[in-house]
Amino acid sequence: MLSKPRIHYIHKARDAIVEHPELKKYSALVDADHVTIGTLKAIYKKPELELMRNDYQAAAEKNWRKQKGGEQGPLNGPINYDFDYSKYLGIEEEFHYAGIVSMLDKFERKLDRLTLLHTASSEIRN
């Protein structure tokens, strides 16, 4: 089986950066000499995972509000920052949500670490 050429993933990462300005901080990684396909995938998959996470969180909030007295009642304000979203999802949704959150955390740690390393090595060369 033939794998896709590295340039395919570079283009996907660049396209994601254009579509999602918050990814601009990873631009230098895309053009780094030894960027891996895994890093490129992390860049372009991050927005999709964030969207799925947000959808699950919205569903959990809706379920919580419904359970606690209705969507239009006194519980229609903001949710606490430490709200346990998974507690208000079905079992399958809970597992999927946990996987998404875990993958996002992994991607963010990897990308932020690589960005720091790349920035530091660029400063040393200059």
PDB file of N, CA and C in Angstrom:
ATOM      1  N   MET A   1       0.838  -1.192   0.000  1.00  0.00           N
ATOM      2  CA  MET A   1       0.000   0.000   0.000  1.00  0.00           C
ATOM      3  C   MET A   1       0.879   1.251   0.000  1.00  0.00           C
ATOM      4  N   LEU A   2       0.580   2.172  -0.863  1.00  0.00           N
ATOM      5  CA  LEU A   2       1.335   3.412  -0.945  1.00  0.00           C
ATOM      6  C   LEU A   2       0.766   4.433   0.029  1.00  0.00           C
ATOM      7  N   SER A   3       1.655   5.134   0.701  1.00  0.00           N
ATOM      8  CA  SER A   3       1.184   6.181   1.603  1.00  0.00           C
ATOM      9  C   SER A   3       1.202   7.523   0.863  1.00  0.00           C
ATOM     10  N   LYS A   4       0.442   8.457   1.381  1.00  0.00           N
ATOM     11  CA  LYS A   4       0.377   9.774   0.763  1.00  0.00           C
ATOM     12  C   LYS A   4       1.708  10.486   0.982  1.00  0.00           C
ATOM     13  N   PRO A   5       2.137  11.270   0.008  1.00  0.00           N
ATOM     14  CA  PRO A   5       3.407  11.986   0.178  1.00  0.00           C
ATOM     15  C   PRO A   5       3.286  13.052   1.273  1.00  0.00           C
ATOM     16  N   ARG A   6       4.392  13.339   1.882  1.00  0.00           N
ATOM     17  CA  ARG A   6       4.462  14.305   2.980  1.00  0.00           C
ATOM     18  C   ARG A   6       3.866  15.649   2.569  1.00  0.00           C
ATOM     19  N   ILE A   7       4.059  16.047   1.324  1.00  0.00           N
ATOM     20  CA  ILE A   7       3.569  17.346   0.851  1.00  0.00           C
ATOM     21  C   ILE A   7       2.044  17.436   0.969  1.00  0.00           C
ATOM     22  N   HIS A   8       1.349  16.320   0.845  1.00  0.00           N
ATOM     23  CA  HIS A   8      -0.113  16.285   1.005  1.00  0.00           C
ATOM     24  C   HIS A   8      -0.492  16.803   2.397  1.00  0.00           C
ATOM     25  N   TYR A   9       0.212  16.340   3.405  1.00  0.00           N
ATOM     26  CA  TYR A   9      -0.077  16.740   4.783  1.00  0.00           C
ATOM     27  C   TYR A   9       0.356  18.184   5.042  1.00  0.00           C
ATOM     28  N   ILE A  10       1.420  18.610   4.392  1.00  0.00           N
ATOM     29  CA  ILE A  10       1.848  20.005   4.519  1.00  0.00           C
ATOM     30  C   ILE A  10       0.758  20.917   3.966  1.00  0.00           C
ATOM     31  N   HIS A  11       0.209  20.574   2.815  1.00  0.00           N
ATOM     32  CA  HIS A  11      -0.870  21.384   2.225  1.00  0.00           C
ATOM     33  C   HIS A  11      -2.105  21.400   3.125  1.00  0.00           C
ATOM     34  N   LYS A  12      -2.464  20.263   3.685  1.00  0.00           N
ATOM     35  CA  LYS A  12      -3.629  20.210   4.577  1.00  0.00           C
ATOM     36  C   LYS A  12      -3.412  21.090   5.806  1.00  0.00           C
ATOM     37  N   ALA A  13      -2.201  21.055   6.373  1.00  0.00           N
ATOM     38  CA  ALA A  13      -1.894  21.884   7.550  1.00  0.00           C
ATOM     39  C   ALA A  13      -1.939  23.365   7.172  1.00  0.00           C
ATOM     40  N   ARG A  14      -1.368  23.722   6.037  1.00  0.00           N
ATOM     41  CA  ARG A  14      -1.402  25.130   5.599  1.00  0.00           C
ATOM     42  C   ARG A  14      -2.834  25.599   5.361  1.00  0.00           C
ATOM     43  N   ASP A  15      -3.652  24.750   4.730  1.00  0.00           N
ATOM     44  CA  ASP A  15      -5.056  25.099   4.501  1.00  0.00           C
ATOM     45  C   ASP A  15      -5.788  25.315   5.825  1.00  0.00           C
ATOM     46  N   ALA A  16      -5.517  24.460   6.799  1.00  0.00           N
ATOM     47  CA  ALA A  16      -6.160  24.596   8.114  1.00  0.00           C
ATOM     48  C   ALA A  16      -5.759  25.907   8.775  1.00  0.00           C
ATOM     49  N   ILE A  17      -4.499  26.296   8.620  1.00  0.00           N
ATOM     50  CA  ILE A  17      -4.021  27.549   9.213  1.00  0.00           C
ATOM     51  C   ILE A  17      -4.713  28.745   8.571  1.00  0.00           C
ATOM     52  N   VAL A  18      -4.940  28.691   7.277  1.00  0.00           N
ATOM     53  CA  VAL A  18      -5.648  29.774   6.585  1.00  0.00           C
ATOM     54  C   VAL A  18      -7.095  29.847   7.066  1.00  0.00           C
ATOM     55  N   GLU A  19      -7.738  28.700   7.216  1.00  0.00           N
ATOM     56  CA  GLU A  19      -9.149  28.654   7.637  1.00  0.00           C
ATOM     57  C   GLU A  19      -9.344  28.977   9.112  1.00  0.00           C
ATOM     58  N   HIS A  20      -8.336  28.708   9.922  1.00  0.00           N
ATOM     59  CA  HIS A  20      -8.442  28.870  11.377  1.00  0.00           C
ATOM     60  C   HIS A  20      -7.256  29.704  11.869  1.00  0.00           C
ATOM     61  N   PRO A  21      -7.410  31.025  11.918  1.00  0.00           N
ATOM     62  CA  PRO A  21      -6.309  31.917  12.286  1.00  0.00           C
ATOM     63  C   PRO A  21      -5.656  31.590  13.636  1.00  0.00           C
ATOM     64  N   GLU A  22      -6.381  30.937  14.540  1.00  0.00           N
ATOM     65  CA  GLU A  22      -5.795  30.589  15.839  1.00  0.00           C
ATOM     66  C   GLU A  22      -4.657  29.573  15.698  1.00  0.00           C
ATOM     67  N   LEU A  23      -4.562  28.926  14.541  1.00  0.00           N
ATOM     68  CA  LEU A  23      -3.486  27.958  14.286  1.00  0.00           C
ATOM     69  C   LEU A  23      -2.218  28.627  13.745  1.00  0.00           C
ATOM     70  N   LYS A  24      -2.281  29.925  13.474  1.00  0.00           N
ATOM     71  CA  LYS A  24      -1.155  30.635  12.875  1.00  0.00           C
ATOM     72  C   LYS A  24       0.129  30.460  13.689  1.00  0.00           C
ATOM     73  N   LYS A  25      -0.011  30.297  14.977  1.00  0.00           N
ATOM     74  CA  LYS A  25       1.181  30.135  15.821  1.00  0.00           C
ATOM     75  C   LYS A  25       1.963  28.863  15.483  1.00  0.00           C
ATOM     76  N   TYR A  26       1.354  27.962  14.711  1.00  0.00           N
ATOM     77  CA  TYR A  26       2.035  26.722  14.316  1.00  0.00           C
ATOM     78  C   TYR A  26       2.596  26.791  12.897  1.00  0.00           C
ATOM     79  N   SER A  27       2.497  27.942  12.249  1.00  0.00           N
ATOM     80  CA  SER A  27       2.956  28.098  10.865  1.00  0.00           C
ATOM     81  C   SER A  27       4.415  27.702  10.685  1.00  0.00           C
ATOM     82  N   ALA A  28       5.263  28.110  11.597  1.00  0.00           N
ATOM     83  CA  ALA A  28       6.686  27.804  11.470  1.00  0.00           C
ATOM     84  C   ALA A  28       6.943  26.302  11.514  1.00  0.00           C
ATOM     85  N   LEU A  29       6.126  25.585  12.248  1.00  0.00           N
ATOM     86  CA  LEU A  29       6.300  24.126  12.324  1.00  0.00           C
ATOM     87  C   LEU A  29       6.062  23.473  10.967  1.00  0.00           C
ATOM     88  N   VAL A  30       5.074  23.965  10.230  1.00  0.00           N
ATOM     89  CA  VAL A  30       4.732  23.377   8.932  1.00  0.00           C
ATOM     90  C   VAL A  30       5.925  23.456   7.994  1.00  0.00           C
ATOM     91  N   ASP A  31       6.659  24.541   8.067  1.00  0.00           N
ATOM     92  CA  ASP A  31       7.787  24.753   7.162  1.00  0.00           C
ATOM     93  C   ASP A  31       9.125  24.271   7.722  1.00  0.00           C
ATOM     94  N   ALA A  32       9.113  23.691   8.903  1.00  0.00           N
ATOM     95  CA  ALA A  32      10.355  23.182   9.495  1.00  0.00           C
ATOM     96  C   ALA A  32      10.884  22.009   8.667  1.00  0.00           C
ATOM     97  N   ASP A  33      12.186  21.899   8.599  1.00  0.00           N
ATOM     98  CA  ASP A  33      12.832  20.874   7.765  1.00  0.00           C
ATOM     99  C   ASP A  33      12.388  19.449   8.088  1.00  0.00           C
ATOM    100  N   HIS A  34      12.297  19.128   9.341  1.00  0.00           N
ATOM    101  CA  HIS A  34      12.043  17.740   9.726  1.00  0.00           C
ATOM    102  C   HIS A  34      10.680  17.540  10.391  1.00  0.00           C
ATOM    103  N   VAL A  35       9.689  18.324   9.971  1.00  0.00           N
ATOM    104  CA  VAL A  35       8.350  18.179  10.547  1.00  0.00           C
ATOM    105  C   VAL A  35       7.800  16.796  10.189  1.00  0.00           C
ATOM    106  N   THR A  36       7.173  16.156  11.158  1.00  0.00           N
ATOM    107  CA  THR A  36       6.636  14.814  10.916  1.00  0.00           C
ATOM    108  C   THR A  36       5.198  14.890  10.426  1.00  0.00           C
ATOM    109  N   ILE A  37       4.756  13.834   9.801  1.00  0.00           N
ATOM    110  CA  ILE A  37       3.365  13.746   9.357  1.00  0.00           C
ATOM    111  C   ILE A  37       2.439  13.819  10.572  1.00  0.00           C
ATOM    112  N   GLY A  38       2.846  13.215  11.686  1.00  0.00           N
ATOM    113  CA  GLY A  38       2.045  13.275  12.909  1.00  0.00           C
ATOM    114  C   GLY A  38       1.821  14.701  13.387  1.00  0.00           C
ATOM    115  N   THR A  39       2.842  15.526  13.303  1.00  0.00           N
ATOM    116  CA  THR A  39       2.714  16.936  13.699  1.00  0.00           C
ATOM    117  C   THR A  39       1.782  17.670  12.742  1.00  0.00           C
ATOM    118  N   LEU A  40       1.926  17.410  11.463  1.00  0.00           N
ATOM    119  CA  LEU A  40       1.055  18.045  10.474  1.00  0.00           C
ATOM    120  C   LEU A  40      -0.399  17.634  10.685  1.00  0.00           C
ATOM    121  N   LYS A  41      -0.635  16.365  10.978  1.00  0.00           N
ATOM    122  CA  LYS A  41      -1.996  15.888  11.251  1.00  0.00           C
ATOM    123  C   LYS A  41      -2.555  16.569  12.498  1.00  0.00           C
ATOM    124  N   ALA A  42      -1.733  16.722  13.524  1.00  0.00           N
ATOM    125  CA  ALA A  42      -2.191  17.384  14.750  1.00  0.00           C
ATOM    126  C   ALA A  42      -2.659  18.800  14.452  1.00  0.00           C
ATOM    127  N   ILE A  43      -1.946  19.488  13.569  1.00  0.00           N
ATOM    128  CA  ILE A  43      -2.310  20.867  13.228  1.00  0.00           C
ATOM    129  C   ILE A  43      -3.662  20.905  12.525  1.00  0.00           C
ATOM    130  N   TYR A  44      -3.843  20.086  11.506  1.00  0.00           N
ATOM    131  CA  TYR A  44      -5.086  20.227  10.741  1.00  0.00           C
ATOM    132  C   TYR A  44      -6.273  19.509  11.368  1.00  0.00           C
ATOM    133  N   LYS A  45      -6.041  18.589  12.267  1.00  0.00           N
ATOM    134  CA  LYS A  45      -7.169  17.906  12.917  1.00  0.00           C
ATOM    135  C   LYS A  45      -7.668  18.632  14.171  1.00  0.00           C
ATOM    136  N   LYS A  46      -6.850  19.500  14.717  1.00  0.00           N
ATOM    137  CA  LYS A  46      -7.197  20.196  15.958  1.00  0.00           C
ATOM    138  C   LYS A  46      -8.525  20.953  15.875  1.00  0.00           C
ATOM    139  N   PRO A  47      -8.784  21.760  14.838  1.00  0.00           N
ATOM    140  CA  PRO A  47     -10.070  22.476  14.792  1.00  0.00           C
ATOM    141  C   PRO A  47     -11.284  21.544  14.729  1.00  0.00           C
ATOM    142  N   GLU A  48     -11.166  20.455  13.997  1.00  0.00           N
ATOM    143  CA  GLU A  48     -12.277  19.498  13.903  1.00  0.00           C
ATOM    144  C   GLU A  48     -12.557  18.864  15.269  1.00  0.00           C
ATOM    145  N   LEU A  49     -11.504  18.509  15.980  1.00  0.00           N
ATOM    146  CA  LEU A  49     -11.683  17.935  17.316  1.00  0.00           C
ATOM    147  C   LEU A  49     -12.274  18.950  18.283  1.00  0.00           C
ATOM    148  N   GLU A  50     -11.850  20.204  18.172  1.00  0.00           N
ATOM    149  CA  GLU A  50     -12.399  21.250  19.038  1.00  0.00           C
ATOM    150  C   GLU A  50     -13.892  21.434  18.786  1.00  0.00           C
ATOM    151  N   LEU A  51     -14.288  21.381  17.532  1.00  0.00           N
ATOM    152  CA  LEU A  51     -15.701  21.506  17.177  1.00  0.00           C
ATOM    153  C   LEU A  51     -16.509  20.339  17.762  1.00  0.00           C
ATOM    154  N   MET A  52     -15.989  19.130  17.632  1.00  0.00           N
ATOM    155  CA  MET A  52     -16.685  17.965  18.195  1.00  0.00           C
ATOM    156  C   MET A  52     -16.759  18.066  19.712  1.00  0.00           C
ATOM    157  N   ARG A  53     -15.670  18.493  20.366  1.00  0.00           N
ATOM    158  CA  ARG A  53     -15.681  18.675  21.821  1.00  0.00           C
ATOM    159  C   ARG A  53     -16.744  19.690  22.219  1.00  0.00           C
ATOM    160  N   ASN A  54     -16.804  20.800  21.495  1.00  0.00           N
ATOM    161  CA  ASN A  54     -17.782  21.843  21.809  1.00  0.00           C
ATOM    162  C   ASN A  54     -19.213  21.343  21.629  1.00  0.00           C
ATOM    163  N   ASP A  55     -19.442  20.517  20.617  1.00  0.00           N
ATOM    164  CA  ASP A  55     -20.776  19.938  20.405  1.00  0.00           C
ATOM    165  C   ASP A  55     -21.173  19.047  21.583  1.00  0.00           C
ATOM    166  N   TYR A  56     -20.260  18.215  22.040  1.00  0.00           N
ATOM    167  CA  TYR A  56     -20.550  17.360  23.198  1.00  0.00           C
ATOM    168  C   TYR A  56     -20.783  18.193  24.451  1.00  0.00           C
ATOM    169  N   GLN A  57     -20.004  19.255  24.625  1.00  0.00           N
ATOM    170  CA  GLN A  57     -20.187  20.115  25.784  1.00  0.00           C
ATOM    171  C   GLN A  57     -21.538  20.813  25.752  1.00  0.00           C
ATOM    172  N   ALA A  58     -21.946  21.253  24.585  1.00  0.00           N
ATOM    173  CA  ALA A  58     -23.262  21.897  24.453  1.00  0.00           C
ATOM    174  C   ALA A  58     -24.373  20.900  24.760  1.00  0.00           C
ATOM    175  N   ALA A  59     -24.223  19.664  24.302  1.00  0.00           N
ATOM    176  CA  ALA A  59     -25.224  18.632  24.588  1.00  0.00           C
ATOM    177  C   ALA A  59     -25.271  18.342  26.081  1.00  0.00           C
ATOM    178  N   ALA A  60     -24.122  18.282  26.731  1.00  0.00           N
ATOM    179  CA  ALA A  60     -24.079  18.027  28.173  1.00  0.00           C
ATOM    180  C   ALA A  60     -24.737  19.162  28.948  1.00  0.00           C
ATOM    181  N   GLU A  61     -24.470  20.402  28.546  1.00  0.00           N
ATOM    182  CA  GLU A  61     -25.095  21.553  29.204  1.00  0.00           C
ATOM    183  C   GLU A  61     -26.611  21.508  29.045  1.00  0.00           C
ATOM    184  N   LYS A  62     -27.055  21.179  27.846  1.00  0.00           N
ATOM    185  CA  LYS A  62     -28.491  21.084  27.582  1.00  0.00           C
ATOM    186  C   LYS A  62     -29.121  19.991  28.458  1.00  0.00           C
ATOM    187  N   ASN A  63     -28.462  18.839  28.544  1.00  0.00           N
ATOM    188  CA  ASN A  63     -28.959  17.741  29.389  1.00  0.00           C
ATOM    189  C   ASN A  63     -28.999  18.147  30.854  1.00  0.00           C
ATOM    190  N   TRP A  64     -27.980  18.859  31.308  1.00  0.00           N
ATOM    191  CA  TRP A  64     -27.924  19.306  32.697  1.00  0.00           C
ATOM    192  C   TRP A  64     -29.060  20.280  32.991  1.00  0.00           C
ATOM    193  N   ARG A  65     -29.249  21.250  32.105  1.00  0.00           N
ATOM    194  CA  ARG A  65     -30.312  22.244  32.303  1.00  0.00           C
ATOM    195  C   ARG A  65     -31.686  21.577  32.316  1.00  0.00           C
ATOM    196  N   LYS A  66     -31.873  20.639  31.414  1.00  0.00           N
ATOM    197  CA  LYS A  66     -33.149  19.915  31.337  1.00  0.00           C
ATOM    198  C   LYS A  66     -33.390  19.131  32.636  1.00  0.00           C
ATOM    199  N   GLN A  67     -32.347  18.472  33.108  1.00  0.00           N
ATOM    200  CA  GLN A  67     -32.430  17.672  34.336  1.00  0.00           C
ATOM    201  C   GLN A  67     -32.683  18.543  35.563  1.00  0.00           C
ATOM    202  N   LYS A  68     -32.161  19.757  35.565  1.00  0.00           N
ATOM    203  CA  LYS A  68     -32.247  20.625  36.741  1.00  0.00           C
ATOM    204  C   LYS A  68     -33.419  21.587  36.707  1.00  0.00           C
ATOM    205  N   GLY A  69     -34.291  21.493  35.715  1.00  0.00           N
ATOM    206  CA  GLY A  69     -35.466  22.343  35.765  1.00  0.00           C
ATOM    207  C   GLY A  69     -35.821  23.082  34.506  1.00  0.00           C
ATOM    208  N   GLY A  70     -35.262  22.716  33.410  1.00  0.00           N
ATOM    209  CA  GLY A  70     -35.675  23.334  32.150  1.00  0.00           C
ATOM    210  C   GLY A  70     -34.670  24.326  31.622  1.00  0.00           C
ATOM    211  N   GLU A  71     -34.657  24.443  30.323  1.00  0.00           N
ATOM    212  CA  GLU A  71     -33.695  25.309  29.654  1.00  0.00           C
ATOM    213  C   GLU A  71     -33.988  26.794  29.863  1.00  0.00           C
ATOM    214  N   GLN A  72     -35.212  27.161  30.160  1.00  0.00           N
ATOM    215  CA  GLN A  72     -35.569  28.566  30.329  1.00  0.00           C
ATOM    216  C   GLN A  72     -35.628  28.988  31.791  1.00  0.00           C
ATOM    217  N   GLY A  73     -35.351  28.071  32.694  1.00  0.00           N
ATOM    218  CA  GLY A  73     -35.428  28.369  34.121  1.00  0.00           C
ATOM    219  C   GLY A  73     -34.232  29.162  34.618  1.00  0.00           C
ATOM    220  N   PRO A  74     -34.047  29.168  35.929  1.00  0.00           N
ATOM    221  CA  PRO A  74     -32.969  29.956  36.527  1.00  0.00           C
ATOM    222  C   PRO A  74     -31.575  29.424  36.199  1.00  0.00           C
ATOM    223  N   LEU A  75     -31.503  28.253  35.581  1.00  0.00           N
ATOM    224  CA  LEU A  75     -30.199  27.659  35.290  1.00  0.00           C
ATOM    225  C   LEU A  75     -29.745  27.916  33.858  1.00  0.00           C
ATOM    226  N   ASN A  76     -30.144  29.036  33.277  1.00  0.00           N
ATOM    227  CA  ASN A  76     -29.761  29.307  31.892  1.00  0.00           C
ATOM    228  C   ASN A  76     -28.538  30.206  31.787  1.00  0.00           C
ATOM    229  N   GLY A  77     -27.867  30.464  32.895  1.00  0.00           N
ATOM    230  CA  GLY A  77     -26.649  31.279  32.890  1.00  0.00           C
ATOM    231  C   GLY A  77     -25.427  30.463  32.507  1.00  0.00           C
ATOM    232  N   PRO A  78     -24.260  31.038  32.694  1.00  0.00           N
ATOM    233  CA  PRO A  78     -23.020  30.344  32.320  1.00  0.00           C
ATOM    234  C   PRO A  78     -22.737  29.132  33.214  1.00  0.00           C
ATOM    235  N   ILE A  79     -21.999  28.202  32.668  1.00  0.00           N
ATOM    236  CA  ILE A  79     -21.592  26.991  33.381  1.00  0.00           C
ATOM    237  C   ILE A  79     -20.251  27.266  34.062  1.00  0.00           C
ATOM    238  N   ASN A  80     -20.033  26.670  35.230  1.00  0.00           N
ATOM    239  CA  ASN A  80     -18.756  26.816  35.938  1.00  0.00           C
ATOM    240  C   ASN A  80     -17.617  26.242  35.105  1.00  0.00           C
ATOM    241  N   TYR A  81     -16.431  26.769  35.302  1.00  0.00           N
ATOM    242  CA  TYR A  81     -15.271  26.301  34.545  1.00  0.00           C
ATOM    243  C   TYR A  81     -14.921  24.847  34.842  1.00  0.00           C
ATOM    244  N   ASP A  82     -15.293  24.342  35.993  1.00  0.00           N
ATOM    245  CA  ASP A  82     -14.957  22.960  36.350  1.00  0.00           C
ATOM    246  C   ASP A  82     -16.149  22.005  36.189  1.00  0.00           C
ATOM    247  N   PHE A  83     -17.089  22.382  35.357  1.00  0.00           N
ATOM    248  CA  PHE A  83     -18.275  21.573  35.091  1.00  0.00           C
ATOM    249  C   PHE A  83     -17.861  20.221  34.520  1.00  0.00           C
ATOM    250  N   ASP A  84     -18.442  19.150  35.024  1.00  0.00           N
ATOM    251  CA  ASP A  84     -18.116  17.787  34.559  1.00  0.00           C
ATOM    252  C   ASP A  84     -19.049  17.424  33.398  1.00  0.00           C
ATOM    253  N   TYR A  85     -18.625  17.760  32.191  1.00  0.00           N
ATOM    254  CA  TYR A  85     -19.448  17.530  31.006  1.00  0.00           C
ATOM    255  C   TYR A  85     -19.785  16.056  30.825  1.00  0.00           C
ATOM    256  N   SER A  86     -18.814  15.193  31.059  1.00  0.00           N
ATOM    257  CA  SER A  86     -19.027  13.765  30.806  1.00  0.00           C
ATOM    258  C   SER A  86     -20.142  13.183  31.674  1.00  0.00           C
ATOM    259  N   LYS A  87     -20.377  13.778  32.815  1.00  0.00           N
ATOM    260  CA  LYS A  87     -21.420  13.299  33.736  1.00  0.00           C
ATOM    261  C   LYS A  87     -22.820  13.430  33.132  1.00  0.00           C
ATOM    262  N   TYR A  88     -22.987  14.323  32.173  1.00  0.00           N
ATOM    263  CA  TYR A  88     -24.313  14.585  31.601  1.00  0.00           C
ATOM    264  C   TYR A  88     -24.418  14.116  30.145  1.00  0.00           C
ATOM    265  N   LEU A  89     -23.585  13.130  29.804  1.00  0.00           N
ATOM    266  CA  LEU A  89     -23.642  12.510  28.486  1.00  0.00           C
ATOM    267  C   LEU A  89     -23.985  11.037  28.656  1.00  0.00           C
ATOM    268  N   GLY A  90     -24.519  10.425  27.598  1.00  0.00           N
ATOM    269  CA  GLY A  90     -24.744   8.984  27.621  1.00  0.00           C
ATOM    270  C   GLY A  90     -23.402   8.260  27.659  1.00  0.00           C
ATOM    271  N   ILE A  91     -23.417   6.966  27.933  1.00  0.00           N
ATOM    272  CA  ILE A  91     -22.169   6.210  28.089  1.00  0.00           C
ATOM    273  C   ILE A  91     -21.300   6.273  26.831  1.00  0.00           C
ATOM    274  N   GLU A  92     -21.872   6.020  25.669  1.00  0.00           N
ATOM    275  CA  GLU A  92     -21.078   6.072  24.431  1.00  0.00           C
ATOM    276  C   GLU A  92     -20.569   7.482  24.163  1.00  0.00           C
ATOM    277  N   GLU A  93     -21.427   8.471  24.378  1.00  0.00           N
ATOM    278  CA  GLU A  93     -21.014   9.863  24.196  1.00  0.00           C
ATOM    279  C   GLU A  93     -19.890  10.215  25.159  1.00  0.00           C
ATOM    280  N   GLU A  94     -20.004   9.725  26.385  1.00  0.00           N
ATOM    281  CA  GLU A  94     -18.994  10.008  27.406  1.00  0.00           C
ATOM    282  C   GLU A  94     -17.623   9.481  26.984  1.00  0.00           C
ATOM    283  N   PHE A  95     -17.579   8.259  26.459  1.00  0.00           N
ATOM    284  CA  PHE A  95     -16.312   7.684  26.020  1.00  0.00           C
ATOM    285  C   PHE A  95     -15.746   8.439  24.814  1.00  0.00           C
ATOM    286  N   HIS A  96     -16.622   8.773  23.890  1.00  0.00           N
ATOM    287  CA  HIS A  96     -16.167   9.511  22.716  1.00  0.00           C
ATOM    288  C   HIS A  96     -15.652  10.886  23.125  1.00  0.00           C
ATOM    289  N   TYR A  97     -16.378  11.561  24.007  1.00  0.00           N
ATOM    290  CA  TYR A  97     -15.969  12.875  24.509  1.00  0.00           C
ATOM    291  C   TYR A  97     -14.609  12.787  25.206  1.00  0.00           C
ATOM    292  N   ALA A  98     -14.429  11.770  26.043  1.00  0.00           N
ATOM    293  CA  ALA A  98     -13.159  11.595  26.749  1.00  0.00           C
ATOM    294  C   ALA A  98     -12.010  11.387  25.762  1.00  0.00           C
ATOM    295  N   GLY A  99     -12.255  10.623  24.707  1.00  0.00           N
ATOM    296  CA  GLY A  99     -11.228  10.408  23.694  1.00  0.00           C
ATOM    297  C   GLY A  99     -10.861  11.687  22.971  1.00  0.00           C
ATOM    298  N   ILE A 100     -11.854  12.486  22.647  1.00  0.00           N
ATOM    299  CA  ILE A 100     -11.619  13.759  21.966  1.00  0.00           C
ATOM    300  C   ILE A 100     -10.810  14.699  22.857  1.00  0.00           C
ATOM    301  N   VAL A 101     -11.207  14.803  24.116  1.00  0.00           N
ATOM    302  CA  VAL A 101     -10.504  15.684  25.053  1.00  0.00           C
ATOM    303  C   VAL A 101      -9.055  15.217  25.226  1.00  0.00           C
ATOM    304  N   SER A 102      -8.862  13.928  25.326  1.00  0.00           N
ATOM    305  CA  SER A 102      -7.519  13.374  25.469  1.00  0.00           C
ATOM    306  C   SER A 102      -6.662  13.654  24.231  1.00  0.00           C
ATOM    307  N   MET A 103      -7.233  13.457  23.060  1.00  0.00           N
ATOM    308  CA  MET A 103      -6.502  13.692  21.821  1.00  0.00           C
ATOM    309  C   MET A 103      -6.152  15.175  21.681  1.00  0.00           C
ATOM    310  N   LEU A 104      -7.084  16.054  21.995  1.00  0.00           N
ATOM    311  CA  LEU A 104      -6.808  17.489  21.927  1.00  0.00           C
ATOM    312  C   LEU A 104      -5.685  17.872  22.879  1.00  0.00           C
ATOM    313  N   ASP A 105      -5.717  17.334  24.072  1.00  0.00           N
ATOM    314  CA  ASP A 105      -4.679  17.616  25.057  1.00  0.00           C
ATOM    315  C   ASP A 105      -3.315  17.156  24.522  1.00  0.00           C
ATOM    316  N   LYS A 106      -3.288  15.974  23.957  1.00  0.00           N
ATOM    317  CA  LYS A 106      -2.052  15.433  23.392  1.00  0.00           C
ATOM    318  C   LYS A 106      -1.540  16.327  22.257  1.00  0.00           C
ATOM    319  N   PHE A 107      -2.433  16.718  21.353  1.00  0.00           N
ATOM    320  CA  PHE A 107      -2.050  17.577  20.234  1.00  0.00           C
ATOM    321  C   PHE A 107      -1.524  18.923  20.732  1.00  0.00           C
ATOM    322  N   GLU A 108      -2.238  19.534  21.671  1.00  0.00           N
ATOM    323  CA  GLU A 108      -1.845  20.854  22.163  1.00  0.00           C
ATOM    324  C   GLU A 108      -0.495  20.809  22.856  1.00  0.00           C
ATOM    325  N   ARG A 109      -0.275  19.797  23.699  1.00  0.00           N
ATOM    326  CA  ARG A 109       1.019  19.677  24.376  1.00  0.00           C
ATOM    327  C   ARG A 109       2.142  19.486  23.363  1.00  0.00           C
ATOM    328  N   LYS A 110       1.914  18.624  22.379  1.00  0.00           N
ATOM    329  CA  LYS A 110       2.921  18.354  21.354  1.00  0.00           C
ATOM    330  C   LYS A 110       3.225  19.614  20.546  1.00  0.00           C
ATOM    331  N   LEU A 111       2.189  20.260  20.050  1.00  0.00           N
ATOM    332  CA  LEU A 111       2.381  21.440  19.205  1.00  0.00           C
ATOM    333  C   LEU A 111       3.011  22.596  19.972  1.00  0.00           C
ATOM    334  N   ASP A 112       2.568  22.808  21.202  1.00  0.00           N
ATOM    335  CA  ASP A 112       3.147  23.899  21.998  1.00  0.00           C
ATOM    336  C   ASP A 112       4.615  23.625  22.321  1.00  0.00           C
ATOM    337  N   ARG A 113       4.937  22.374  22.654  1.00  0.00           N
ATOM    338  CA  ARG A 113       6.327  22.005  22.944  1.00  0.00           C
ATOM    339  C   ARG A 113       7.207  22.202  21.695  1.00  0.00           C
ATOM    340  N   LEU A 114       6.725  21.720  20.557  1.00  0.00           N
ATOM    341  CA  LEU A 114       7.496  21.853  19.321  1.00  0.00           C
ATOM    342  C   LEU A 114       7.649  23.309  18.900  1.00  0.00           C
ATOM    343  N   THR A 115       6.608  24.105  19.120  1.00  0.00           N
ATOM    344  CA  THR A 115       6.684  25.530  18.791  1.00  0.00           C
ATOM    345  C   THR A 115       7.751  26.206  19.642  1.00  0.00           C
ATOM    346  N   LEU A 116       7.771  25.880  20.926  1.00  0.00           N
ATOM    347  CA  LEU A 116       8.796  26.435  21.821  1.00  0.00           C
ATOM    348  C   LEU A 116      10.195  26.020  21.376  1.00  0.00           C
ATOM    349  N   LEU A 117      10.358  24.735  21.078  1.00  0.00           N
ATOM    350  CA  LEU A 117      11.669  24.240  20.640  1.00  0.00           C
ATOM    351  C   LEU A 117      12.092  24.885  19.337  1.00  0.00           C
ATOM    352  N   HIS A 118      11.162  25.003  18.404  1.00  0.00           N
ATOM    353  CA  HIS A 118      11.481  25.611  17.113  1.00  0.00           C
ATOM    354  C   HIS A 118      11.859  27.082  17.275  1.00  0.00           C
ATOM    355  N   THR A 119      11.107  27.797  18.110  1.00  0.00           N
ATOM    356  CA  THR A 119      11.397  29.208  18.349  1.00  0.00           C
ATOM    357  C   THR A 119      12.769  29.365  19.002  1.00  0.00           C
ATOM    358  N   ALA A 120      13.060  28.529  19.986  1.00  0.00           N
ATOM    359  CA  ALA A 120      14.355  28.598  20.674  1.00  0.00           C
ATOM    360  C   ALA A 120      15.500  28.296  19.720  1.00  0.00           C
ATOM    361  N   SER A 121      15.345  27.271  18.889  1.00  0.00           N
ATOM    362  CA  SER A 121      16.437  26.928  17.958  1.00  0.00           C
ATOM    363  C   SER A 121      16.608  28.010  16.894  1.00  0.00           C
ATOM    364  N   SER A 122      15.515  28.666  16.496  1.00  0.00           N
ATOM    365  CA  SER A 122      15.600  29.767  15.522  1.00  0.00           C
ATOM    366  C   SER A 122      16.344  30.956  16.125  1.00  0.00           C
ATOM    367  N   GLU A 123      16.090  31.232  17.395  1.00  0.00           N
ATOM    368  CA  GLU A 123      16.755  32.356  18.071  1.00  0.00           C
ATOM    369  C   GLU A 123      18.241  32.075  18.249  1.00  0.00           C
ATOM    370  N   ILE A 124      18.593  30.824  18.505  1.00  0.00           N
ATOM    371  CA  ILE A 124      20.005  30.464  18.673  1.00  0.00           C
ATOM    372  C   ILE A 124      20.763  30.650  17.361  1.00  0.00           C
ATOM    373  N   ARG A 125      20.116  30.262  16.233  1.00  0.00           N
ATOM    374  CA  ARG A 125      20.749  30.403  14.910  1.00  0.00           C
ATOM    375  C   ARG A 125      20.940  31.858  14.524  1.00  0.00           C
ATOM    376  N   ASN A 126      20.071  32.736  15.010  1.00  0.00           N
ATOM    377  CA  ASN A 126      20.165  34.157  14.633  1.00  0.00           C
ATOM    378  C   ASN A 126      21.047  34.859  15.601  1.00  0.00           C
TER     379      ASN A 126
END
